[in-house]
Amino acid sequence: MSYVFLFAAILFEVMGTTCMKLSEGFTKTLPSILIFVFYGISFTLFTLALKRLEVSLAYAIWSGIGTLSITAIGIFYFDETLTALKVGSIALIIIGVIGLNLSSGMH
């Protein structure tokens, strides 16, 4: 169940971050409000996930998948450019998450 909480937390964090962009610097009311709603839900779910998951692993997964998701949204929805540096950086994040996941099993 902890991974369900974690992945739901990631989903709400991505929605909150997307609303940051959509709020246009807090000039749009609904996205501005949704930032706080989505982040509140995200942090609540993340806290529940941490009851059974190691914080280093959970945070790496949360931030890694969140970064990958926001990058994809930026490229496909907000017309940001995809560069070799972005691809390489995302690959390093994924490698880091895998490394933390492997190390969490080595007690």
PDB file of N, CA and C in Angstrom:
ATOM      1  N   MET A   1       0.826  -1.203   0.000  1.00  0.00           N
ATOM      2  CA  MET A   1       0.000   0.000   0.000  1.00  0.00           C
ATOM      3  C   MET A   1       0.866   1.262   0.000  1.00  0.00           C
ATOM      4  N   SER A   2       2.073   1.158   0.549  1.00  0.00           N
ATOM      5  CA  SER A   2       2.955   2.321   0.604  1.00  0.00           C
ATOM      6  C   SER A   2       3.309   2.825  -0.783  1.00  0.00           C
ATOM      7  N   TYR A   3       3.503   1.896  -1.728  1.00  0.00           N
ATOM      8  CA  TYR A   3       3.819   2.328  -3.091  1.00  0.00           C
ATOM      9  C   TYR A   3       2.609   2.963  -3.773  1.00  0.00           C
ATOM     10  N   VAL A   4       1.420   2.542  -3.420  1.00  0.00           N
ATOM     11  CA  VAL A   4       0.207   3.192  -3.942  1.00  0.00           C
ATOM     12  C   VAL A   4       0.168   4.639  -3.455  1.00  0.00           C
ATOM     13  N   PHE A   5       0.428   4.840  -2.168  1.00  0.00           N
ATOM     14  CA  PHE A   5       0.487   6.199  -1.630  1.00  0.00           C
ATOM     15  C   PHE A   5       1.576   7.019  -2.319  1.00  0.00           C
ATOM     16  N   LEU A   6       2.731   6.392  -2.524  1.00  0.00           N
ATOM     17  CA  LEU A   6       3.845   7.100  -3.151  1.00  0.00           C
ATOM     18  C   LEU A   6       3.505   7.535  -4.566  1.00  0.00           C
ATOM     19  N   PHE A   7       2.964   6.641  -5.373  1.00  0.00           N
ATOM     20  CA  PHE A   7       2.662   7.003  -6.755  1.00  0.00           C
ATOM     21  C   PHE A   7       1.495   7.977  -6.856  1.00  0.00           C
ATOM     22  N   ALA A   8       0.555   7.899  -5.933  1.00  0.00           N
ATOM     23  CA  ALA A   8      -0.513   8.908  -5.893  1.00  0.00           C
ATOM     24  C   ALA A   8       0.076  10.263  -5.494  1.00  0.00           C
ATOM     25  N   ALA A   9       1.018  10.263  -4.551  1.00  0.00           N
ATOM     26  CA  ALA A   9       1.685  11.506  -4.148  1.00  0.00           C
ATOM     27  C   ALA A   9       2.411  12.136  -5.330  1.00  0.00           C
ATOM     28  N   ILE A  10       3.067  11.301  -6.136  1.00  0.00           N
ATOM     29  CA  ILE A  10       3.762  11.797  -7.318  1.00  0.00           C
ATOM     30  C   ILE A  10       2.771  12.427  -8.292  1.00  0.00           C
ATOM     31  N   LEU A  11       1.661  11.761  -8.517  1.00  0.00           N
ATOM     32  CA  LEU A  11       0.642  12.284  -9.431  1.00  0.00           C
ATOM     33  C   LEU A  11       0.164  13.666  -8.979  1.00  0.00           C
ATOM     34  N   PHE A  12      -0.142  13.816  -7.694  1.00  0.00           N
ATOM     35  CA  PHE A  12      -0.619  15.105  -7.196  1.00  0.00           C
ATOM     36  C   PHE A  12       0.472  16.170  -7.200  1.00  0.00           C
ATOM     37  N   GLU A  13       1.723  15.767  -6.974  1.00  0.00           N
ATOM     38  CA  GLU A  13       2.833  16.725  -7.042  1.00  0.00           C
ATOM     39  C   GLU A  13       2.998  17.236  -8.466  1.00  0.00           C
ATOM     40  N   VAL A  14       2.875  16.357  -9.441  1.00  0.00           N
ATOM     41  CA  VAL A  14       2.981  16.757 -10.850  1.00  0.00           C
ATOM     42  C   VAL A  14       1.827  17.682 -11.224  1.00  0.00           C
ATOM     43  N   MET A  15       0.644  17.380 -10.742  1.00  0.00           N
ATOM     44  CA  MET A  15      -0.498  18.264 -11.022  1.00  0.00           C
ATOM     45  C   MET A  15      -0.288  19.629 -10.377  1.00  0.00           C
ATOM     46  N   GLY A  16       0.252  19.651  -9.161  1.00  0.00           N
ATOM     47  CA  GLY A  16       0.523  20.921  -8.489  1.00  0.00           C
ATOM     48  C   GLY A  16       1.566  21.743  -9.225  1.00  0.00           C
ATOM     49  N   THR A  17       2.617  21.094  -9.692  1.00  0.00           N
ATOM     50  CA  THR A  17       3.664  21.793 -10.420  1.00  0.00           C
ATOM     51  C   THR A  17       3.137  22.311 -11.760  1.00  0.00           C
ATOM     52  N   THR A  18       2.313  21.524 -12.417  1.00  0.00           N
ATOM     53  CA  THR A  18       1.702  21.973 -13.670  1.00  0.00           C
ATOM     54  C   THR A  18       0.825  23.197 -13.422  1.00  0.00           C
ATOM     55  N   CYS A  19       0.112  23.196 -12.317  1.00  0.00           N
ATOM     56  CA  CYS A  19      -0.723  24.356 -11.969  1.00  0.00           C
ATOM     57  C   CYS A  19       0.130  25.593 -11.696  1.00  0.00           C
ATOM     58  N   MET A  20       1.357  25.397 -11.205  1.00  0.00           N
ATOM     59  CA  MET A  20       2.247  26.551 -11.028  1.00  0.00           C
ATOM     60  C   MET A  20       2.454  27.267 -12.352  1.00  0.00           C
ATOM     61  N   LYS A  21       2.710  26.485 -13.389  1.00  0.00           N
ATOM     62  CA  LYS A  21       2.905  27.069 -14.720  1.00  0.00           C
ATOM     63  C   LYS A  21       1.610  27.691 -15.220  1.00  0.00           C
ATOM     64  N   LEU A  22       0.502  26.985 -15.043  1.00  0.00           N
ATOM     65  CA  LEU A  22      -0.789  27.479 -15.525  1.00  0.00           C
ATOM     66  C   LEU A  22      -1.276  28.718 -14.773  1.00  0.00           C
ATOM     67  N   SER A  23      -0.796  28.918 -13.550  1.00  0.00           N
ATOM     68  CA  SER A  23      -1.243  30.062 -12.750  1.00  0.00           C
ATOM     69  C   SER A  23      -0.683  31.388 -13.256  1.00  0.00           C
ATOM     70  N   GLU A  24       0.350  31.300 -14.099  1.00  0.00           N
ATOM     71  CA  GLU A  24       0.995  32.495 -14.653  1.00  0.00           C
ATOM     72  C   GLU A  24       1.353  33.494 -13.545  1.00  0.00           C
ATOM     73  N   GLY A  25       2.122  32.984 -12.584  1.00  0.00           N
ATOM     74  CA  GLY A  25       2.584  33.844 -11.493  1.00  0.00           C
ATOM     75  C   GLY A  25       1.464  34.274 -10.556  1.00  0.00           C
ATOM     76  N   PHE A  26       0.570  33.379 -10.258  1.00  0.00           N
ATOM     77  CA  PHE A  26      -0.592  33.612  -9.382  1.00  0.00           C
ATOM     78  C   PHE A  26      -1.579  34.629  -9.961  1.00  0.00           C
ATOM     79  N   THR A  27      -1.594  34.810 -11.274  1.00  0.00           N
ATOM     80  CA  THR A  27      -2.564  35.734 -11.878  1.00  0.00           C
ATOM     81  C   THR A  27      -3.845  35.033 -12.297  1.00  0.00           C
ATOM     82  N   LYS A  28      -3.834  33.700 -12.339  1.00  0.00           N
ATOM     83  CA  LYS A  28      -5.040  32.921 -12.663  1.00  0.00           C
ATOM     84  C   LYS A  28      -5.522  32.246 -11.387  1.00  0.00           C
ATOM     85  N   THR A  29      -6.752  32.509 -11.006  1.00  0.00           N
ATOM     86  CA  THR A  29      -7.268  32.094  -9.701  1.00  0.00           C
ATOM     87  C   THR A  29      -7.313  30.583  -9.504  1.00  0.00           C
ATOM     88  N   LEU A  30      -7.987  29.863 -10.396  1.00  0.00           N
ATOM     89  CA  LEU A  30      -8.175  28.428 -10.178  1.00  0.00           C
ATOM     90  C   LEU A  30      -6.853  27.659 -10.122  1.00  0.00           C
ATOM     91  N   PRO A  31      -5.956  27.833 -11.099  1.00  0.00           N
ATOM     92  CA  PRO A  31      -4.681  27.113 -10.977  1.00  0.00           C
ATOM     93  C   PRO A  31      -3.889  27.517  -9.726  1.00  0.00           C
ATOM     94  N   SER A  32      -4.001  28.766  -9.312  1.00  0.00           N
ATOM     95  CA  SER A  32      -3.301  29.221  -8.109  1.00  0.00           C
ATOM     96  C   SER A  32      -3.802  28.499  -6.868  1.00  0.00           C
ATOM     97  N   ILE A  33      -5.094  28.327  -6.769  1.00  0.00           N
ATOM     98  CA  ILE A  33      -5.684  27.605  -5.637  1.00  0.00           C
ATOM     99  C   ILE A  33      -5.307  26.126  -5.690  1.00  0.00           C
ATOM    100  N   LEU A  34      -5.357  25.566  -6.914  1.00  0.00           N
ATOM    101  CA  LEU A  34      -5.074  24.140  -7.065  1.00  0.00           C
ATOM    102  C   LEU A  34      -3.627  23.779  -6.720  1.00  0.00           C
ATOM    103  N   ILE A  35      -2.708  24.720  -6.855  1.00  0.00           N
ATOM    104  CA  ILE A  35      -1.322  24.465  -6.439  1.00  0.00           C
ATOM    105  C   ILE A  35      -1.306  23.963  -4.997  1.00  0.00           C
ATOM    106  N   PHE A  36      -1.984  24.696  -4.114  1.00  0.00           N
ATOM    107  CA  PHE A  36      -1.967  24.381  -2.684  1.00  0.00           C
ATOM    108  C   PHE A  36      -2.779  23.125  -2.375  1.00  0.00           C
ATOM    109  N   VAL A  37      -3.880  22.934  -3.087  1.00  0.00           N
ATOM    110  CA  VAL A  37      -4.694  21.733  -2.882  1.00  0.00           C
ATOM    111  C   VAL A  37      -3.895  20.491  -3.272  1.00  0.00           C
ATOM    112  N   PHE A  38      -3.330  20.521  -4.475  1.00  0.00           N
ATOM    113  CA  PHE A  38      -2.599  19.354  -4.963  1.00  0.00           C
ATOM    114  C   PHE A  38      -1.345  19.070  -4.139  1.00  0.00           C
ATOM    115  N   TYR A  39      -0.610  20.116  -3.770  1.00  0.00           N
ATOM    116  CA  TYR A  39       0.582  19.882  -2.950  1.00  0.00           C
ATOM    117  C   TYR A  39       0.207  19.392  -1.551  1.00  0.00           C
ATOM    118  N   GLY A  40      -0.886  19.883  -0.993  1.00  0.00           N
ATOM    119  CA  GLY A  40      -1.332  19.393   0.318  1.00  0.00           C
ATOM    120  C   GLY A  40      -1.656  17.912   0.276  1.00  0.00           C
ATOM    121  N   ILE A  41      -2.370  17.493  -0.772  1.00  0.00           N
ATOM    122  CA  ILE A  41      -2.693  16.078  -0.944  1.00  0.00           C
ATOM    123  C   ILE A  41      -1.413  15.275  -1.164  1.00  0.00           C
ATOM    124  N   SER A  42      -0.518  15.807  -1.992  1.00  0.00           N
ATOM    125  CA  SER A  42       0.736  15.112  -2.291  1.00  0.00           C
ATOM    126  C   SER A  42       1.555  14.870  -1.027  1.00  0.00           C
ATOM    127  N   PHE A  43       1.738  15.903  -0.225  1.00  0.00           N
ATOM    128  CA  PHE A  43       2.543  15.752   0.992  1.00  0.00           C
ATOM    129  C   PHE A  43       1.876  14.820   1.998  1.00  0.00           C
ATOM    130  N   THR A  44       0.552  14.831   2.046  1.00  0.00           N
ATOM    131  CA  THR A  44      -0.161  13.912   2.934  1.00  0.00           C
ATOM    132  C   THR A  44       0.076  12.469   2.513  1.00  0.00           C
ATOM    133  N   LEU A  45      -0.088  12.203   1.216  1.00  0.00           N
ATOM    134  CA  LEU A  45       0.130  10.849   0.710  1.00  0.00           C
ATOM    135  C   LEU A  45       1.586  10.416   0.850  1.00  0.00           C
ATOM    136  N   PHE A  46       2.505  11.344   0.609  1.00  0.00           N
ATOM    137  CA  PHE A  46       3.925  11.024   0.750  1.00  0.00           C
ATOM    138  C   PHE A  46       4.255  10.669   2.199  1.00  0.00           C
ATOM    139  N   THR A  47       3.671  11.390   3.132  1.00  0.00           N
ATOM    140  CA  THR A  47       3.878  11.093   4.552  1.00  0.00           C
ATOM    141  C   THR A  47       3.362   9.701   4.893  1.00  0.00           C
ATOM    142  N   LEU A  48       2.210   9.330   4.344  1.00  0.00           N
ATOM    143  CA  LEU A  48       1.675   7.980   4.573  1.00  0.00           C
ATOM    144  C   LEU A  48       2.583   6.923   3.952  1.00  0.00           C
ATOM    145  N   ALA A  49       3.148   7.208   2.793  1.00  0.00           N
ATOM    146  CA  ALA A  49       4.065   6.258   2.151  1.00  0.00           C
ATOM    147  C   ALA A  49       5.308   6.033   3.003  1.00  0.00           C
ATOM    148  N   LEU A  50       5.751   7.080   3.686  1.00  0.00           N
ATOM    149  CA  LEU A  50       6.978   6.986   4.481  1.00  0.00           C
ATOM    150  C   LEU A  50       6.823   6.143   5.743  1.00  0.00           C
ATOM    151  N   LYS A  51       5.599   5.747   6.074  1.00  0.00           N
ATOM    152  CA  LYS A  51       5.419   4.875   7.235  1.00  0.00           C
ATOM    153  C   LYS A  51       6.154   3.548   7.040  1.00  0.00           C
ATOM    154  N   ARG A  52       6.262   3.093   5.784  1.00  0.00           N
ATOM    155  CA  ARG A  52       6.866   1.781   5.534  1.00  0.00           C
ATOM    156  C   ARG A  52       8.036   1.813   4.545  1.00  0.00           C
ATOM    157  N   LEU A  53       8.281   2.946   3.917  1.00  0.00           N
ATOM    158  CA  LEU A  53       9.369   3.039   2.942  1.00  0.00           C
ATOM    159  C   LEU A  53      10.531   3.837   3.517  1.00  0.00           C
ATOM    160  N   GLU A  54      11.732   3.507   3.074  1.00  0.00           N
ATOM    161  CA  GLU A  54      12.900   4.292   3.469  1.00  0.00           C
ATOM    162  C   GLU A  54      12.795   5.666   2.813  1.00  0.00           C
ATOM    163  N   VAL A  55      13.107   6.706   3.569  1.00  0.00           N
ATOM    164  CA  VAL A  55      12.941   8.064   3.065  1.00  0.00           C
ATOM    165  C   VAL A  55      13.847   8.324   1.863  1.00  0.00           C
ATOM    166  N   SER A  56      15.063   7.807   1.871  1.00  0.00           N
ATOM    167  CA  SER A  56      15.970   8.066   0.747  1.00  0.00           C
ATOM    168  C   SER A  56      15.436   7.454  -0.541  1.00  0.00           C
ATOM    169  N   LEU A  57      14.935   6.248  -0.471  1.00  0.00           N
ATOM    170  CA  LEU A  57      14.378   5.593  -1.644  1.00  0.00           C
ATOM    171  C   LEU A  57      13.091   6.274  -2.090  1.00  0.00           C
ATOM    172  N   ALA A  58      12.185   6.521  -1.149  1.00  0.00           N
ATOM    173  CA  ALA A  58      10.902   7.131  -1.493  1.00  0.00           C
ATOM    174  C   ALA A  58      11.079   8.513  -2.106  1.00  0.00           C
ATOM    175  N   TYR A  59      11.970   9.305  -1.535  1.00  0.00           N
ATOM    176  CA  TYR A  59      12.178  10.650  -2.060  1.00  0.00           C
ATOM    177  C   TYR A  59      12.841  10.610  -3.434  1.00  0.00           C
ATOM    178  N   ALA A  60      13.749   9.685  -3.631  1.00  0.00           N
ATOM    179  CA  ALA A  60      14.389   9.551  -4.941  1.00  0.00           C
ATOM    180  C   ALA A  60      13.364   9.173  -6.007  1.00  0.00           C
ATOM    181  N   ILE A  61      12.501   8.247  -5.692  1.00  0.00           N
ATOM    182  CA  ILE A  61      11.448   7.856  -6.637  1.00  0.00           C
ATOM    183  C   ILE A  61      10.504   9.020  -6.876  1.00  0.00           C
ATOM    184  N   TRP A  62      10.082   9.681  -5.809  1.00  0.00           N
ATOM    185  CA  TRP A  62       9.141  10.800  -5.889  1.00  0.00           C
ATOM    186  C   TRP A  62       9.707  11.926  -6.749  1.00  0.00           C
ATOM    187  N   SER A  63      10.920  12.319  -6.454  1.00  0.00           N
ATOM    188  CA  SER A  63      11.500  13.434  -7.206  1.00  0.00           C
ATOM    189  C   SER A  63      11.906  13.018  -8.614  1.00  0.00           C
ATOM    190  N   GLY A  64      12.396  11.791  -8.780  1.00  0.00           N
ATOM    191  CA  GLY A  64      12.804  11.334 -10.098  1.00  0.00           C
ATOM    192  C   GLY A  64      11.646  11.207 -11.068  1.00  0.00           C
ATOM    193  N   ILE A  65      10.604  10.522 -10.646  1.00  0.00           N
ATOM    194  CA  ILE A  65       9.436  10.362 -11.519  1.00  0.00           C
ATOM    195  C   ILE A  65       8.738  11.703 -11.719  1.00  0.00           C
ATOM    196  N   GLY A  66       8.719  12.513 -10.665  1.00  0.00           N
ATOM    197  CA  GLY A  66       8.137  13.846 -10.794  1.00  0.00           C
ATOM    198  C   GLY A  66       8.883  14.694 -11.807  1.00  0.00           C
ATOM    199  N   THR A  67      10.208  14.658 -11.746  1.00  0.00           N
ATOM    200  CA  THR A  67      11.027  15.421 -12.693  1.00  0.00           C
ATOM    201  C   THR A  67      10.823  14.918 -14.112  1.00  0.00           C
ATOM    202  N   LEU A  68      10.836  13.611 -14.289  1.00  0.00           N
ATOM    203  CA  LEU A  68      10.606  13.036 -15.610  1.00  0.00           C
ATOM    204  C   LEU A  68       9.233  13.430 -16.151  1.00  0.00           C
ATOM    205  N   SER A  69       8.220  13.363 -15.309  1.00  0.00           N
ATOM    206  CA  SER A  69       6.861  13.699 -15.729  1.00  0.00           C
ATOM    207  C   SER A  69       6.720  15.175 -16.095  1.00  0.00           C
ATOM    208  N   ILE A  70       7.276  16.042 -15.263  1.00  0.00           N
ATOM    209  CA  ILE A  70       7.190  17.475 -15.536  1.00  0.00           C
ATOM    210  C   ILE A  70       7.973  17.838 -16.792  1.00  0.00           C
ATOM    211  N   THR A  71       9.097  17.175 -17.007  1.00  0.00           N
ATOM    212  CA  THR A  71       9.859  17.419 -18.233  1.00  0.00           C
ATOM    213  C   THR A  71       9.029  17.026 -19.450  1.00  0.00           C
ATOM    214  N   ALA A  72       8.371  15.884 -19.390  1.00  0.00           N
ATOM    215  CA  ALA A  72       7.521  15.443 -20.503  1.00  0.00           C
ATOM    216  C   ALA A  72       6.363  16.408 -20.730  1.00  0.00           C
ATOM    217  N   ILE A  73       5.735  16.863 -19.649  1.00  0.00           N
ATOM    218  CA  ILE A  73       4.635  17.828 -19.780  1.00  0.00           C
ATOM    219  C   ILE A  73       5.155  19.132 -20.385  1.00  0.00           C
ATOM    220  N   GLY A  74       6.319  19.565 -19.937  1.00  0.00           N
ATOM    221  CA  GLY A  74       6.905  20.781 -20.490  1.00  0.00           C
ATOM    222  C   GLY A  74       7.164  20.664 -21.981  1.00  0.00           C
ATOM    223  N   ILE A  75       7.657  19.523 -22.396  1.00  0.00           N
ATOM    224  CA  ILE A  75       7.979  19.323 -23.813  1.00  0.00           C
ATOM    225  C   ILE A  75       6.707  19.181 -24.654  1.00  0.00           C
ATOM    226  N   PHE A  76       5.785  18.337 -24.222  1.00  0.00           N
ATOM    227  CA  PHE A  76       4.622  18.034 -25.048  1.00  0.00           C
ATOM    228  C   PHE A  76       3.463  19.012 -24.900  1.00  0.00           C
ATOM    229  N   TYR A  77       3.333  19.640 -23.732  1.00  0.00           N
ATOM    230  CA  TYR A  77       2.195  20.534 -23.511  1.00  0.00           C
ATOM    231  C   TYR A  77       2.589  22.008 -23.597  1.00  0.00           C
ATOM    232  N   PHE A  78       3.762  22.344 -23.075  1.00  0.00           N
ATOM    233  CA  PHE A  78       4.187  23.746 -23.050  1.00  0.00           C
ATOM    234  C   PHE A  78       5.236  24.066 -24.122  1.00  0.00           C
ATOM    235  N   ASP A  79       5.446  23.149 -25.046  1.00  0.00           N
ATOM    236  CA  ASP A  79       6.350  23.348 -26.192  1.00  0.00           C
ATOM    237  C   ASP A  79       7.781  23.710 -25.800  1.00  0.00           C
ATOM    238  N   GLU A  80       8.291  23.129 -24.726  1.00  0.00           N
ATOM    239  CA  GLU A  80       9.687  23.323 -24.366  1.00  0.00           C
ATOM    240  C   GLU A  80      10.548  22.460 -25.284  1.00  0.00           C
ATOM    241  N   THR A  81      11.792  22.842 -25.448  1.00  0.00           N
ATOM    242  CA  THR A  81      12.671  22.084 -26.330  1.00  0.00           C
ATOM    243  C   THR A  81      13.258  20.871 -25.611  1.00  0.00           C
ATOM    244  N   LEU A  82      13.466  19.817 -26.371  1.00  0.00           N
ATOM    245  CA  LEU A  82      14.127  18.619 -25.870  1.00  0.00           C
ATOM    246  C   LEU A  82      15.561  18.666 -26.370  1.00  0.00           C
ATOM    247  N   THR A  83      16.497  18.705 -25.452  1.00  0.00           N
ATOM    248  CA  THR A  83      17.906  18.769 -25.814  1.00  0.00           C
ATOM    249  C   THR A  83      18.628  17.518 -25.348  1.00  0.00           C
ATOM    250  N   ALA A  84      19.807  17.307 -25.889  1.00  0.00           N
ATOM    251  CA  ALA A  84      20.624  16.161 -25.468  1.00  0.00           C
ATOM    252  C   ALA A  84      20.962  16.271 -23.986  1.00  0.00           C
ATOM    253  N   LEU A  85      21.185  17.493 -23.509  1.00  0.00           N
ATOM    254  CA  LEU A  85      21.499  17.682 -22.093  1.00  0.00           C
ATOM    255  C   LEU A  85      20.322  17.276 -21.211  1.00  0.00           C
ATOM    256  N   LYS A  86      19.101  17.598 -21.630  1.00  0.00           N
ATOM    257  CA  LYS A  86      17.921  17.180 -20.856  1.00  0.00           C
ATOM    258  C   LYS A  86      17.811  15.661 -20.828  1.00  0.00           C
ATOM    259  N   VAL A  87      18.000  15.026 -21.971  1.00  0.00           N
ATOM    260  CA  VAL A  87      17.910  13.567 -22.040  1.00  0.00           C
ATOM    261  C   VAL A  87      18.976  12.928 -21.155  1.00  0.00           C
ATOM    262  N   GLY A  88      20.209  13.421 -21.240  1.00  0.00           N
ATOM    263  CA  GLY A  88      21.289  12.890 -20.411  1.00  0.00           C
ATOM    264  C   GLY A  88      21.031  13.092 -18.935  1.00  0.00           C
ATOM    265  N   SER A  89      20.512  14.250 -18.579  1.00  0.00           N
ATOM    266  CA  SER A  89      20.224  14.548 -17.174  1.00  0.00           C
ATOM    267  C   SER A  89      19.130  13.637 -16.626  1.00  0.00           C
ATOM    268  N   ILE A  90      18.110  13.393 -17.417  1.00  0.00           N
ATOM    269  CA  ILE A  90      17.036  12.490 -17.001  1.00  0.00           C
ATOM    270  C   ILE A  90      17.577  11.074 -16.849  1.00  0.00           C
ATOM    271  N   ALA A  91      18.468  10.670 -17.757  1.00  0.00           N
ATOM    272  CA  ALA A  91      19.080   9.344 -17.645  1.00  0.00           C
ATOM    273  C   ALA A  91      19.859   9.221 -16.339  1.00  0.00           C
ATOM    274  N   LEU A  92      20.574  10.271 -15.945  1.00  0.00           N
ATOM    275  CA  LEU A  92      21.311  10.239 -14.682  1.00  0.00           C
ATOM    276  C   LEU A  92      20.373  10.146 -13.483  1.00  0.00           C
ATOM    277  N   ILE A  93      19.245  10.828 -13.548  1.00  0.00           N
ATOM    278  CA  ILE A  93      18.257  10.742 -12.464  1.00  0.00           C
ATOM    279  C   ILE A  93      17.747   9.311 -12.340  1.00  0.00           C
ATOM    280  N   ILE A  94      17.416   8.699 -13.476  1.00  0.00           N
ATOM    281  CA  ILE A  94      16.915   7.325 -13.464  1.00  0.00           C
ATOM    282  C   ILE A  94      17.967   6.372 -12.907  1.00  0.00           C
ATOM    283  N   ILE A  95      19.216   6.552 -13.315  1.00  0.00           N
ATOM    284  CA  ILE A  95      20.305   5.723 -12.793  1.00  0.00           C
ATOM    285  C   ILE A  95      20.432   5.901 -11.282  1.00  0.00           C
ATOM    286  N   GLY A  96      20.304   7.128 -10.803  1.00  0.00           N
ATOM    287  CA  GLY A  96      20.377   7.386  -9.370  1.00  0.00           C
ATOM    288  C   GLY A  96      19.261   6.714  -8.596  1.00  0.00           C
ATOM    289  N   VAL A  97      18.043   6.761  -9.129  1.00  0.00           N
ATOM    290  CA  VAL A  97      16.909   6.115  -8.466  1.00  0.00           C
ATOM    291  C   VAL A  97      17.119   4.603  -8.423  1.00  0.00           C
ATOM    292  N   ILE A  98      17.589   4.033  -9.524  1.00  0.00           N
ATOM    293  CA  ILE A  98      17.860   2.596  -9.554  1.00  0.00           C
ATOM    294  C   ILE A  98      18.944   2.247  -8.533  1.00  0.00           C
ATOM    295  N   GLY A  99      20.000   3.059  -8.470  1.00  0.00           N
ATOM    296  CA  GLY A  99      21.070   2.816  -7.509  1.00  0.00           C
ATOM    297  C   GLY A  99      20.584   2.856  -6.075  1.00  0.00           C
ATOM    298  N   LEU A 100      19.749   3.831  -5.746  1.00  0.00           N
ATOM    299  CA  LEU A 100      19.202   3.892  -4.382  1.00  0.00           C
ATOM    300  C   LEU A 100      18.289   2.703  -4.096  1.00  0.00           C
ATOM    301  N   ASN A 101      17.530   2.304  -5.096  1.00  0.00           N
ATOM    302  CA  ASN A 101      16.649   1.160  -4.918  1.00  0.00           C
ATOM    303  C   ASN A 101      17.465  -0.113  -4.662  1.00  0.00           C
ATOM    304  N   LEU A 102      18.541  -0.290  -5.412  1.00  0.00           N
ATOM    305  CA  LEU A 102      19.390  -1.469  -5.219  1.00  0.00           C
ATOM    306  C   LEU A 102      20.081  -1.421  -3.852  1.00  0.00           C
ATOM    307  N   SER A 103      20.527  -0.242  -3.451  1.00  0.00           N
ATOM    308  CA  SER A 103      21.236  -0.132  -2.174  1.00  0.00           C
ATOM    309  C   SER A 103      20.319  -0.298  -0.977  1.00  0.00           C
ATOM    310  N   SER A 104      19.022  -0.023  -1.147  1.00  0.00           N
ATOM    311  CA  SER A 104      18.114  -0.172  -0.005  1.00  0.00           C
ATOM    312  C   SER A 104      17.917  -1.634   0.373  1.00  0.00           C
ATOM    313  N   GLY A 105      18.206  -2.543  -0.541  1.00  0.00           N
ATOM    314  CA  GLY A 105      18.099  -3.965  -0.246  1.00  0.00           C
ATOM    315  C   GLY A 105      19.359  -4.531   0.371  1.00  0.00           C
ATOM    316  N   MET A 106      20.421  -3.715   0.473  1.00  0.00           N
ATOM    317  CA  MET A 106      21.708  -4.191   0.989  1.00  0.00           C
ATOM    318  C   MET A 106      21.920  -3.689   2.412  1.00  0.00           C
ATOM    319  N   HIS A 107      21.331  -4.353   3.395  1.00  0.00           N
ATOM    320  CA  HIS A 107      21.455  -3.924   4.794  1.00  0.00           C
ATOM    321  C   HIS A 107      22.507  -4.727   5.489  1.00  0.00           C
TER     322      HIS A 107
END
